[in-house]
C-alpha atoms as a PDB file:
ATOM      1  CA  MET A   1      55.992 -27.931  19.657  1.00  0.00           C
ATOM      2  CA  LEU A   2      52.911 -27.658  21.893  1.00  0.00           C
ATOM      3  CA  ARG A   3      52.849 -31.435  22.211  1.00  0.00           C
ATOM      4  CA  HIS A   4      56.450 -31.465  23.487  1.00  0.00           C
ATOM      5  CA  ILE A   5      55.670 -28.774  26.057  1.00  0.00           C
ATOM      6  CA  ARG A   6      52.672 -30.731  27.337  1.00  0.00           C
ATOM      7  CA  MET A   7      54.740 -33.899  27.547  1.00  0.00           C
ATOM      8  CA  PHE A   8      57.448 -32.087  29.522  1.00  0.00           C
ATOM      9  CA  LEU A   9      54.873 -30.659  31.953  1.00  0.00           C
ATOM     10  CA  TRP A  10      53.301 -34.079  32.527  1.00  0.00           C
ATOM     11  CA  ILE A  11      56.710 -35.609  33.203  1.00  0.00           C
ATOM     12  CA  ALA A  12      57.517 -32.797  35.662  1.00  0.00           C
ATOM     13  CA  VAL A  13      54.196 -33.259  37.477  1.00  0.00           C
ATOM     14  CA  ALA A  14      54.710 -37.032  37.651  1.00  0.00           C
ATOM     15  CA  ALA A  15      58.242 -36.643  39.016  1.00  0.00           C
ATOM     16  CA  PHE A  16      57.063 -34.146  41.648  1.00  0.00           C
ATOM     17  CA  THR A  17      54.240 -36.493  42.686  1.00  0.00           C
ATOM     18  CA  VAL A  18      56.664 -39.378  43.096  1.00  0.00           C
ATOM     19  CA  LEU A  19      58.937 -37.140  45.208  1.00  0.00           C
ATOM     20  CA  LEU A  20      56.036 -36.182  47.506  1.00  0.00           C
ATOM     21  CA  ILE A  21      55.100 -39.848  47.958  1.00  0.00           C
ATOM     22  CA  VAL A  22      58.695 -40.798  48.803  1.00  0.00           C
ATOM     23  CA  LEU A  23      58.991 -37.971  51.319  1.00  0.00           C
ATOM     24  CA  ALA A  24      55.653 -38.841  52.911  1.00  0.00           C
ATOM     25  CA  MET A  25      56.734 -42.467  53.344  1.00  0.00           C
ATOM     26  CA  ASN A  26      60.214 -41.573  54.570  1.00  0.00           C
ATOM     27  CA  PRO A  27      60.340 -38.927  57.324  1.00  0.00           C
ATOM     28  CA  ALA A  28      64.136 -38.985  57.357  1.00  0.00           C
ATOM     29  CA  ALA A  29      64.258 -38.118  53.663  1.00  0.00           C
ATOM     30  CA  SER A  30      61.699 -35.387  54.245  1.00  0.00           C
ATOM     31  CA  ARG A  31      63.814 -33.836  56.981  1.00  0.00           C
ATOM     32  CA  LYS A  32      66.899 -34.038  54.796  1.00  0.00           C
ATOM     33  CA  ALA A  33      65.027 -32.220  52.043  1.00  0.00           C
ATOM     34  CA  LEU A  34      63.992 -29.514  54.489  1.00  0.00           C
ATOM     35  CA  SER A  35      67.578 -29.208  55.658  1.00  0.00           C
ATOM     36  CA  LEU A  36      68.769 -28.770  52.100  1.00  0.00           C
ATOM     37  CA  ALA A  37      66.028 -26.214  51.498  1.00  0.00           C
ATOM     38  CA  GLY A  38      67.264 -24.373  54.580  1.00  0.00           C
ATOM     39  CA  GLY A  39      70.719 -24.136  53.056  1.00  0.00           C
ATOM     40  CA  GLY A  40      72.384 -26.339  55.679  1.00  0.00           C
ATOM     41  CA  ILE A  41      71.236 -24.297  58.674  1.00  0.00           C
ATOM     42  CA  GLY A  42      72.732 -25.465  61.965  1.00  0.00           C
ATOM     43  CA  GLY A  43      76.061 -26.934  62.967  1.00  0.00           C
ATOM     44  CA  PRO A  44      78.639 -27.359  65.739  1.00  0.00           C
ATOM     45  CA  PHE A  45      79.088 -24.621  68.342  1.00  0.00           C
ATOM     46  CA  GLU A  46      80.311 -24.174  71.899  1.00  0.00           C
ATOM     47  CA  LEU A  47      79.120 -21.321  74.141  1.00  0.00           C
ATOM     48  CA  GLN A  48      78.575 -20.567  77.830  1.00  0.00           C
ATOM     49  CA  ARG A  49      75.408 -20.629  79.898  1.00  0.00           C
ATOM     50  CA  THR A  50      74.747 -17.913  82.455  1.00  0.00           C
ATOM     51  CA  ASP A  51      76.121 -20.178  85.204  1.00  0.00           C
ATOM     52  CA  GLY A  52      79.450 -20.482  83.373  1.00  0.00           C
ATOM     53  CA  THR A  53      79.005 -24.066  82.203  1.00  0.00           C
ATOM     54  CA  THR A  54      79.683 -25.001  78.601  1.00  0.00           C
ATOM     55  CA  TYR A  55      76.744 -25.565  76.274  1.00  0.00           C
ATOM     56  CA  SER A  56      77.162 -26.951  72.774  1.00  0.00           C
ATOM     57  CA  ASP A  57      75.314 -28.536  69.879  1.00  0.00           C
ATOM     58  CA  ARG A  58      75.810 -31.865  71.668  1.00  0.00           C
ATOM     59  CA  ASP A  59      73.359 -30.698  74.348  1.00  0.00           C
ATOM     60  CA  LEU A  60      70.696 -30.392  71.656  1.00  0.00           C
ATOM     61  CA  ALA A  61      71.284 -33.766  70.039  1.00  0.00           C
ATOM     62  CA  GLY A  62      68.134 -35.859  69.826  1.00  0.00           C
ATOM     63  CA  VAL A  63      65.827 -33.107  71.049  1.00  0.00           C
ATOM     64  CA  PRO A  64      63.781 -30.717  68.878  1.00  0.00           C
ATOM     65  CA  HIS A  65      64.798 -27.140  69.574  1.00  0.00           C
ATOM     66  CA  ALA A  66      64.020 -23.520  68.830  1.00  0.00           C
ATOM     67  CA  MET A  67      66.929 -21.098  68.417  1.00  0.00           C
ATOM     68  CA  PHE A  68      66.566 -17.332  68.723  1.00  0.00           C
ATOM     69  CA  PHE A  69      69.375 -14.809  68.240  1.00  0.00           C
ATOM     70  CA  GLY A  70      69.242 -11.330  69.766  1.00  0.00           C
ATOM     71  CA  PHE A  71      70.647  -9.114  72.520  1.00  0.00           C
ATOM     72  CA  THR A  72      69.637  -7.755  75.899  1.00  0.00           C
ATOM     73  CA  HIS A  73      69.628  -4.079  74.857  1.00  0.00           C
ATOM     74  CA  CYS A  74      67.177  -4.848  72.033  1.00  0.00           C
ATOM     75  CA  PRO A  75      64.266  -2.394  72.276  1.00  0.00           C
ATOM     76  CA  GLU A  76      61.446  -4.487  70.790  1.00  0.00           C
ATOM     77  CA  VAL A  77      62.125  -7.634  68.771  1.00  0.00           C
ATOM     78  CA  CYS A  78      63.960  -9.614  71.466  1.00  0.00           C
ATOM     79  CA  PRO A  79      61.767  -9.005  74.516  1.00  0.00           C
ATOM     80  CA  THR A  80      58.640  -9.458  72.392  1.00  0.00           C
ATOM     81  CA  THR A  81      59.870 -12.752  70.930  1.00  0.00           C
ATOM     82  CA  LEU A  82      61.052 -14.087  74.289  1.00  0.00           C
ATOM     83  CA  TRP A  83      57.691 -13.178  75.850  1.00  0.00           C
ATOM     84  CA  GLU A  84      55.925 -14.965  73.006  1.00  0.00           C
ATOM     85  CA  LEU A  85      58.133 -18.030  73.426  1.00  0.00           C
ATOM     86  CA  THR A  86      57.368 -17.974  77.151  1.00  0.00           C
ATOM     87  CA  GLY A  87      53.638 -17.910  76.378  1.00  0.00           C
ATOM     88  CA  TRP A  88      53.851 -20.669  73.788  1.00  0.00           C
ATOM     89  CA  MET A  89      55.784 -22.893  76.179  1.00  0.00           C
ATOM     90  CA  LYS A  90      53.035 -22.403  78.757  1.00  0.00           C
ATOM     91  CA  GLN A  91      50.390 -23.333  76.174  1.00  0.00           C
ATOM     92  CA  LEU A  92      52.336 -26.446  75.182  1.00  0.00           C
ATOM     93  CA  GLY A  93      51.948 -27.721  78.727  1.00  0.00           C
ATOM     94  CA  GLY A  94      53.917 -30.901  79.385  1.00  0.00           C
ATOM     95  CA  ASP A  95      55.075 -31.003  75.756  1.00  0.00           C
ATOM     96  CA  ALA A  96      57.239 -27.944  76.426  1.00  0.00           C
ATOM     97  CA  ASP A  97      59.596 -30.224  78.356  1.00  0.00           C
ATOM     98  CA  LYS A  98      60.200 -32.168  75.140  1.00  0.00           C
ATOM     99  CA  LEU A  99      61.483 -28.994  73.457  1.00  0.00           C
ATOM    100  CA  LYS A 100      64.627 -26.975  74.110  1.00  0.00           C
ATOM    101  CA  VAL A 101      64.474 -23.230  73.573  1.00  0.00           C
ATOM    102  CA  VAL A 102      67.755 -21.334  73.261  1.00  0.00           C
ATOM    103  CA  PHE A 103      68.504 -17.606  73.219  1.00  0.00           C
ATOM    104  CA  VAL A 104      71.929 -16.694  71.795  1.00  0.00           C
ATOM    105  CA  THR A 105      73.315 -13.185  72.072  1.00  0.00           C
ATOM    106  CA  VAL A 106      74.697 -11.440  69.009  1.00  0.00           C
ATOM    107  CA  ASP A 107      76.210  -8.760  71.278  1.00  0.00           C
ATOM    108  CA  PRO A 108      78.768 -10.581  73.463  1.00  0.00           C
ATOM    109  CA  GLU A 109      80.585  -7.288  74.046  1.00  0.00           C
ATOM    110  CA  ARG A 110      77.806  -6.171  76.420  1.00  0.00           C
ATOM    111  CA  ASP A 111      75.969  -9.423  77.091  1.00  0.00           C
ATOM    112  CA  THR A 112      78.075 -10.992  79.804  1.00  0.00           C
ATOM    113  CA  ARG A 113      76.864 -14.050  81.687  1.00  0.00           C
ATOM    114  CA  GLU A 114      75.707 -11.807  84.535  1.00  0.00           C
ATOM    115  CA  THR A 115      73.816  -9.464  82.205  1.00  0.00           C
ATOM    116  CA  MET A 116      72.144 -12.380  80.441  1.00  0.00           C
ATOM    117  CA  ALA A 117      71.189 -14.015  83.744  1.00  0.00           C
ATOM    118  CA  GLU A 118      69.469 -10.870  85.018  1.00  0.00           C
ATOM    119  CA  TYR A 119      67.713 -10.276  81.691  1.00  0.00           C
ATOM    120  CA  MET A 120      66.321 -13.809  81.512  1.00  0.00           C
ATOM    121  CA  THR A 121      64.559 -13.577  84.888  1.00  0.00           C
ATOM    122  CA  SER A 122      61.619 -12.025  83.009  1.00  0.00           C
ATOM    123  CA  PHE A 123      61.094 -15.123  80.843  1.00  0.00           C
ATOM    124  CA  ASP A 124      60.464 -18.850  81.136  1.00  0.00           C
ATOM    125  CA  PRO A 125      63.345 -20.319  83.189  1.00  0.00           C
ATOM    126  CA  ARG A 126      63.606 -23.243  80.763  1.00  0.00           C
ATOM    127  CA  ILE A 127      64.915 -20.923  78.030  1.00  0.00           C
ATOM    128  CA  VAL A 128      68.676 -21.411  77.867  1.00  0.00           C
ATOM    129  CA  ALA A 129      70.607 -18.142  77.434  1.00  0.00           C
ATOM    130  CA  LEU A 130      74.049 -18.344  75.840  1.00  0.00           C
ATOM    131  CA  THR A 131      76.970 -16.003  75.365  1.00  0.00           C
ATOM    132  CA  GLY A 132      80.641 -16.418  74.521  1.00  0.00           C
ATOM    133  CA  THR A 133      83.618 -14.805  72.880  1.00  0.00           C
ATOM    134  CA  MET A 134      83.198 -12.839  69.681  1.00  0.00           C
ATOM    135  CA  GLU A 135      84.781 -15.738  67.783  1.00  0.00           C
ATOM    136  CA  GLN A 136      82.359 -18.256  69.298  1.00  0.00           C
ATOM    137  CA  ILE A 137      79.387 -16.066  68.452  1.00  0.00           C
ATOM    138  CA  GLU A 138      80.613 -15.637  64.884  1.00  0.00           C
ATOM    139  CA  THR A 139      80.895 -19.431  64.581  1.00  0.00           C
ATOM    140  CA  ILE A 140      77.281 -20.081  65.568  1.00  0.00           C
ATOM    141  CA  LYS A 141      76.025 -17.135  63.487  1.00  0.00           C
ATOM    142  CA  LYS A 142      77.730 -18.622  60.446  1.00  0.00           C
ATOM    143  CA  ALA A 143      76.300 -22.072  61.193  1.00  0.00           C
ATOM    144  CA  TYR A 144      72.734 -20.758  61.456  1.00  0.00           C
ATOM    145  CA  LYS A 145      73.051 -18.180  58.673  1.00  0.00           C
ATOM    146  CA  VAL A 146      72.295 -15.376  61.143  1.00  0.00           C
ATOM    147  CA  TYR A 147      72.755 -11.761  60.150  1.00  0.00           C
ATOM    148  CA  SER A 148      73.797  -9.126  62.685  1.00  0.00           C
ATOM    149  CA  ARG A 149      75.465  -5.746  62.393  1.00  0.00           C
ATOM    150  CA  LYS A 150      76.462  -3.158  64.982  1.00  0.00           C
ATOM    151  CA  VAL A 151      74.827   0.214  64.278  1.00  0.00           C
ATOM    152  CA  PRO A 152      76.306   3.336  65.962  1.00  0.00           C
ATOM    153  CA  LEU A 153      73.888   5.750  67.630  1.00  0.00           C
ATOM    154  CA  GLU A 154      74.193   9.529  67.899  1.00  0.00           C
ATOM    155  CA  ASP A 155      74.831   9.394  71.654  1.00  0.00           C
ATOM    156  CA  GLY A 156      77.936   7.270  71.143  1.00  0.00           C
ATOM    157  CA  ASP A 157      76.207   4.018  72.090  1.00  0.00           C
ATOM    158  CA  TYR A 158      75.152   1.389  69.561  1.00  0.00           C
ATOM    159  CA  THR A 159      72.365  -0.998  68.709  1.00  0.00           C
ATOM    160  CA  VAL A 160      72.443  -4.202  66.679  1.00  0.00           C
ATOM    161  CA  ASP A 161      70.435  -5.084  63.588  1.00  0.00           C
ATOM    162  CA  HIS A 162      69.857  -8.827  63.483  1.00  0.00           C
ATOM    163  CA  THR A 163      67.808 -11.704  62.105  1.00  0.00           C
ATOM    164  CA  ALA A 164      64.459 -11.654  63.895  1.00  0.00           C
ATOM    165  CA  SER A 165      63.172 -15.164  63.166  1.00  0.00           C
ATOM    166  CA  VAL A 166      63.125 -18.169  65.490  1.00  0.00           C
ATOM    167  CA  TYR A 167      64.859 -21.183  63.938  1.00  0.00           C
ATOM    168  CA  LEU A 168      63.057 -24.506  64.414  1.00  0.00           C
ATOM    169  CA  MET A 169      65.309 -27.551  64.375  1.00  0.00           C
ATOM    170  CA  HIS A 170      64.649 -31.298  64.549  1.00  0.00           C
ATOM    171  CA  GLY A 171      66.458 -33.468  67.058  1.00  0.00           C
ATOM    172  CA  ASP A 172      68.692 -34.825  64.304  1.00  0.00           C
ATOM    173  CA  GLY A 173      69.959 -31.300  63.656  1.00  0.00           C
ATOM    174  CA  SER A 174      68.017 -30.734  60.448  1.00  0.00           C
ATOM    175  CA  PHE A 175      66.178 -27.494  59.756  1.00  0.00           C
ATOM    176  CA  SER A 176      62.382 -27.543  60.117  1.00  0.00           C
ATOM    177  CA  GLY A 177      61.420 -23.923  59.441  1.00  0.00           C
ATOM    178  CA  THR A 178      61.070 -20.572  61.169  1.00  0.00           C
ATOM    179  CA  ILE A 179      58.687 -18.481  63.209  1.00  0.00           C
ATOM    180  CA  SER A 180      58.712 -14.913  61.941  1.00  0.00           C
ATOM    181  CA  PHE A 181      58.635 -11.859  64.186  1.00  0.00           C
ATOM    182  CA  ARG A 182      55.031 -11.193  65.243  1.00  0.00           C
ATOM    183  CA  GLU A 183      53.780 -14.243  63.353  1.00  0.00           C
ATOM    184  CA  ASN A 184      50.192 -15.236  64.128  1.00  0.00           C
ATOM    185  CA  SER A 185      50.318 -16.830  67.571  1.00  0.00           C
ATOM    186  CA  ASP A 186      48.124 -19.816  66.666  1.00  0.00           C
ATOM    187  CA  THR A 187      50.270 -20.542  63.603  1.00  0.00           C
ATOM    188  CA  ALA A 188      53.473 -20.309  65.627  1.00  0.00           C
ATOM    189  CA  LEU A 189      52.109 -22.586  68.333  1.00  0.00           C
ATOM    190  CA  GLU A 190      51.058 -25.154  65.743  1.00  0.00           C
ATOM    191  CA  LYS A 191      54.585 -25.113  64.276  1.00  0.00           C
ATOM    192  CA  LEU A 192      56.010 -25.828  67.720  1.00  0.00           C
ATOM    193  CA  ARG A 193      53.512 -28.644  68.305  1.00  0.00           C
ATOM    194  CA  ARG A 194      54.453 -30.252  64.972  1.00  0.00           C
ATOM    195  CA  LEU A 195      58.129 -29.887  65.808  1.00  0.00           C
ATOM    196  CA  VAL A 196      57.642 -31.658  69.143  1.00  0.00           C
ATOM    197  CA  ASP A 197      55.539 -34.396  67.531  1.00  0.00           C
ATOM    198  CA  LYS A 198      58.116 -35.103  64.842  1.00  0.00           C
ATOM    199  CA  GLY A 199      61.042 -34.913  67.235  1.00  0.00           C
END
């Protein structure tokens, strides 16, 4: 019995080693594996920029990108993350121009194009801010597996609970990984550098 267990473990280790070698020699296969691990994160969408022009997944084709979902009335997570993204883009220098960074509202009811435009003046102007109809927002949330929920407040207003991570995507649309809220800045910057390098 023990002999069979050992044999099974050796076979499993050998198979895993072969898989690692294949992925190392084939970047496309590696990205596909990451995409599968990410549960098929990403997909078609069509939203509006603050200037009223249409922006879709086609605008991201072939370019590595970072996607962040939030809202302008967010008290902490959103402004903090957008400030961090602004800082990381500055540290990337010229490489920042090889990366697209997108901020998508999960609160289209309040986040009009005008509201988004005013809000984004505090951050790097290269960050693309997007809004749309409730249906359009639901479509992109579903594509990126984003959670958000309106939470009523005692004063009659509301806030929104939402996914706080930044989604990192390769230019071919496959999922690379995430940057967590308040993740170590050096670690986050290194993830962005790798994303730019791999395209």
